[in-house]
Amino acid sequence: MLHIVNKSPLEKPILDTVLRLAQSGALLLIEDGVYAATRGNKAESKLRDVMGKLKVYALAPDLAARGVADRVIDGVATVDYEGFVDLVTQHPNCQSWL
């Protein structure tokens, strides 16, 4: 399953819920959700802990738009819009967490 999160971990607890419930698959951080993929934030250790069971991606244009593209956590893969589409097609189930 592909889990898609678009809310900042500083604003909403959605990421915590996803990390608690997701058993496998991939996590794609988009829009303000990309803040979770940056070094030095409160979600960093949580993301590192789940990288064994979830592959974590962040949308590169959203990172760039927020000025944090140079602060991505090691192990988080960045994807462009084409990569976003590829992730959706690679995973038979997608869940957007609101």
C-alpha atoms as a PDB file:
ATOM      1  CA  MET A   1       0.000   0.000   0.000  1.00  0.00           C
ATOM      2  CA  LEU A   2       1.088   3.549  -0.731  1.00  0.00           C
ATOM      3  CA  HIS A   3       0.311   5.930   2.137  1.00  0.00           C
ATOM      4  CA  ILE A   4       0.169   9.593   1.102  1.00  0.00           C
ATOM      5  CA  VAL A   5       0.466  12.329   3.732  1.00  0.00           C
ATOM      6  CA  ASN A   6       0.078  16.016   2.915  1.00  0.00           C
ATOM      7  CA  LYS A   7      -0.107  17.570   6.407  1.00  0.00           C
ATOM      8  CA  SER A   8       2.818  18.891   8.408  1.00  0.00           C
ATOM      9  CA  PRO A   9       3.698  16.822  11.493  1.00  0.00           C
ATOM     10  CA  LEU A  10       3.788  20.141  13.349  1.00  0.00           C
ATOM     11  CA  GLU A  11       0.177  20.881  12.440  1.00  0.00           C
ATOM     12  CA  LYS A  12      -1.688  17.549  12.559  1.00  0.00           C
ATOM     13  CA  PRO A  13      -1.022  14.115  14.154  1.00  0.00           C
ATOM     14  CA  ILE A  14      -1.815  12.288  10.893  1.00  0.00           C
ATOM     15  CA  LEU A  15       1.746  11.097  10.342  1.00  0.00           C
ATOM     16  CA  ASP A  16       1.806   9.496  13.800  1.00  0.00           C
ATOM     17  CA  THR A  17      -1.368   7.577  12.933  1.00  0.00           C
ATOM     18  CA  VAL A  18       0.074   6.360   9.633  1.00  0.00           C
ATOM     19  CA  LEU A  19       3.332   5.266  11.236  1.00  0.00           C
ATOM     20  CA  ARG A  20       1.433   3.390  13.934  1.00  0.00           C
ATOM     21  CA  LEU A  21      -0.951   1.589  11.546  1.00  0.00           C
ATOM     22  CA  ALA A  22       1.086   0.976   8.393  1.00  0.00           C
ATOM     23  CA  GLN A  23       2.631  -2.484   8.329  1.00  0.00           C
ATOM     24  CA  SER A  24       4.440  -2.362   4.989  1.00  0.00           C
ATOM     25  CA  GLY A  25       4.567  -0.597   1.661  1.00  0.00           C
ATOM     26  CA  ALA A  26       5.563   2.988   1.041  1.00  0.00           C
ATOM     27  CA  LEU A  27       4.982   6.426   2.484  1.00  0.00           C
ATOM     28  CA  LEU A  28       4.893   9.457   0.202  1.00  0.00           C
ATOM     29  CA  LEU A  29       5.127  12.892   1.794  1.00  0.00           C
ATOM     30  CA  ILE A  30       3.658  15.729  -0.281  1.00  0.00           C
ATOM     31  CA  GLU A  31       2.697  19.383   0.209  1.00  0.00           C
ATOM     32  CA  ASP A  32       3.348  20.368   3.870  1.00  0.00           C
ATOM     33  CA  GLY A  33       3.911  16.704   4.704  1.00  0.00           C
ATOM     34  CA  VAL A  34       7.452  17.061   3.308  1.00  0.00           C
ATOM     35  CA  TYR A  35       8.473  18.889   6.486  1.00  0.00           C
ATOM     36  CA  ALA A  36       8.490  15.458   8.161  1.00  0.00           C
ATOM     37  CA  ALA A  37      11.299  14.403   5.798  1.00  0.00           C
ATOM     38  CA  THR A  38      13.693  17.088   7.016  1.00  0.00           C
ATOM     39  CA  ARG A  39      16.502  16.818   9.529  1.00  0.00           C
ATOM     40  CA  GLY A  40      15.920  18.284  12.967  1.00  0.00           C
ATOM     41  CA  ASN A  41      12.146  18.052  13.200  1.00  0.00           C
ATOM     42  CA  LYS A  42      10.087  16.119  15.725  1.00  0.00           C
ATOM     43  CA  ALA A  43       9.171  13.414  13.176  1.00  0.00           C
ATOM     44  CA  GLU A  44      12.752  12.563  12.174  1.00  0.00           C
ATOM     45  CA  SER A  45      13.316   9.769  14.695  1.00  0.00           C
ATOM     46  CA  LYS A  46       9.884   8.282  13.994  1.00  0.00           C
ATOM     47  CA  LEU A  47      10.588   8.153  10.264  1.00  0.00           C
ATOM     48  CA  ARG A  48      13.982   6.564  10.835  1.00  0.00           C
ATOM     49  CA  ASP A  49      12.331   3.907  13.010  1.00  0.00           C
ATOM     50  CA  VAL A  50       9.873   2.851  10.281  1.00  0.00           C
ATOM     51  CA  MET A  51      12.301   2.842   7.372  1.00  0.00           C
ATOM     52  CA  GLY A  52      12.785  -0.889   7.881  1.00  0.00           C
ATOM     53  CA  LYS A  53       9.157  -1.627   7.067  1.00  0.00           C
ATOM     54  CA  LEU A  54       8.178   1.367   4.917  1.00  0.00           C
ATOM     55  CA  LYS A  55      10.030   2.944   2.020  1.00  0.00           C
ATOM     56  CA  VAL A  56       9.797   6.709   2.553  1.00  0.00           C
ATOM     57  CA  TYR A  57       9.552   9.210  -0.309  1.00  0.00           C
ATOM     58  CA  ALA A  58       9.177  12.983  -0.440  1.00  0.00           C
ATOM     59  CA  LEU A  59       7.978  15.009  -3.414  1.00  0.00           C
ATOM     60  CA  ALA A  60      10.976  17.056  -4.610  1.00  0.00           C
ATOM     61  CA  PRO A  61       9.004  20.029  -6.017  1.00  0.00           C
ATOM     62  CA  ASP A  62       7.263  20.450  -2.650  1.00  0.00           C
ATOM     63  CA  LEU A  63      10.594  20.296  -0.805  1.00  0.00           C
ATOM     64  CA  ALA A  64      11.981  22.962  -3.148  1.00  0.00           C
ATOM     65  CA  ALA A  65       8.898  25.166  -2.836  1.00  0.00           C
ATOM     66  CA  ARG A  66       9.315  25.188   0.949  1.00  0.00           C
ATOM     67  CA  GLY A  67      13.069  25.800   0.827  1.00  0.00           C
ATOM     68  CA  VAL A  68      13.983  22.548   2.586  1.00  0.00           C
ATOM     69  CA  ALA A  69      15.328  20.411  -0.277  1.00  0.00           C
ATOM     70  CA  ASP A  70      18.832  20.546   1.222  1.00  0.00           C
ATOM     71  CA  ARG A  71      17.679  19.149   4.605  1.00  0.00           C
ATOM     72  CA  VAL A  72      16.238  15.753   3.578  1.00  0.00           C
ATOM     73  CA  ILE A  73      16.863  12.913   6.030  1.00  0.00           C
ATOM     74  CA  ASP A  74      19.244  10.203   4.814  1.00  0.00           C
ATOM     75  CA  GLY A  75      17.209   7.267   3.570  1.00  0.00           C
ATOM     76  CA  VAL A  76      14.287   9.344   2.293  1.00  0.00           C
ATOM     77  CA  ALA A  77      14.073   9.135  -1.488  1.00  0.00           C
ATOM     78  CA  THR A  78      12.920  12.159  -3.421  1.00  0.00           C
ATOM     79  CA  VAL A  79      10.646  11.857  -6.439  1.00  0.00           C
ATOM     80  CA  ASP A  80       9.365  14.258  -9.051  1.00  0.00           C
ATOM     81  CA  TYR A  81       5.802  14.274 -10.375  1.00  0.00           C
ATOM     82  CA  GLU A  82       6.586  11.426 -12.768  1.00  0.00           C
ATOM     83  CA  GLY A  83       7.926   9.440  -9.807  1.00  0.00           C
ATOM     84  CA  PHE A  84       4.712  10.194  -7.912  1.00  0.00           C
ATOM     85  CA  VAL A  85       2.705   8.677 -10.761  1.00  0.00           C
ATOM     86  CA  ASP A  86       5.059   5.672 -10.861  1.00  0.00           C
ATOM     87  CA  LEU A  87       4.513   5.068  -7.129  1.00  0.00           C
ATOM     88  CA  VAL A  88       0.746   5.166  -7.579  1.00  0.00           C
ATOM     89  CA  THR A  89       0.893   2.675 -10.440  1.00  0.00           C
ATOM     90  CA  GLN A  90       3.299   0.370  -8.565  1.00  0.00           C
ATOM     91  CA  HIS A  91       1.008   0.063  -5.551  1.00  0.00           C
ATOM     92  CA  PRO A  92      -2.407  -1.533  -6.099  1.00  0.00           C
ATOM     93  CA  ASN A  93      -3.798   0.328  -3.065  1.00  0.00           C
ATOM     94  CA  CYS A  94      -3.259   3.983  -2.189  1.00  0.00           C
ATOM     95  CA  GLN A  95      -4.487   5.725   0.946  1.00  0.00           C
ATOM     96  CA  SER A  96      -4.474   9.517   1.202  1.00  0.00           C
ATOM     97  CA  TRP A  97      -4.502  10.478   4.865  1.00  0.00           C
ATOM     98  CA  LEU A  98      -6.415  13.667   5.518  1.00  0.00           C
END
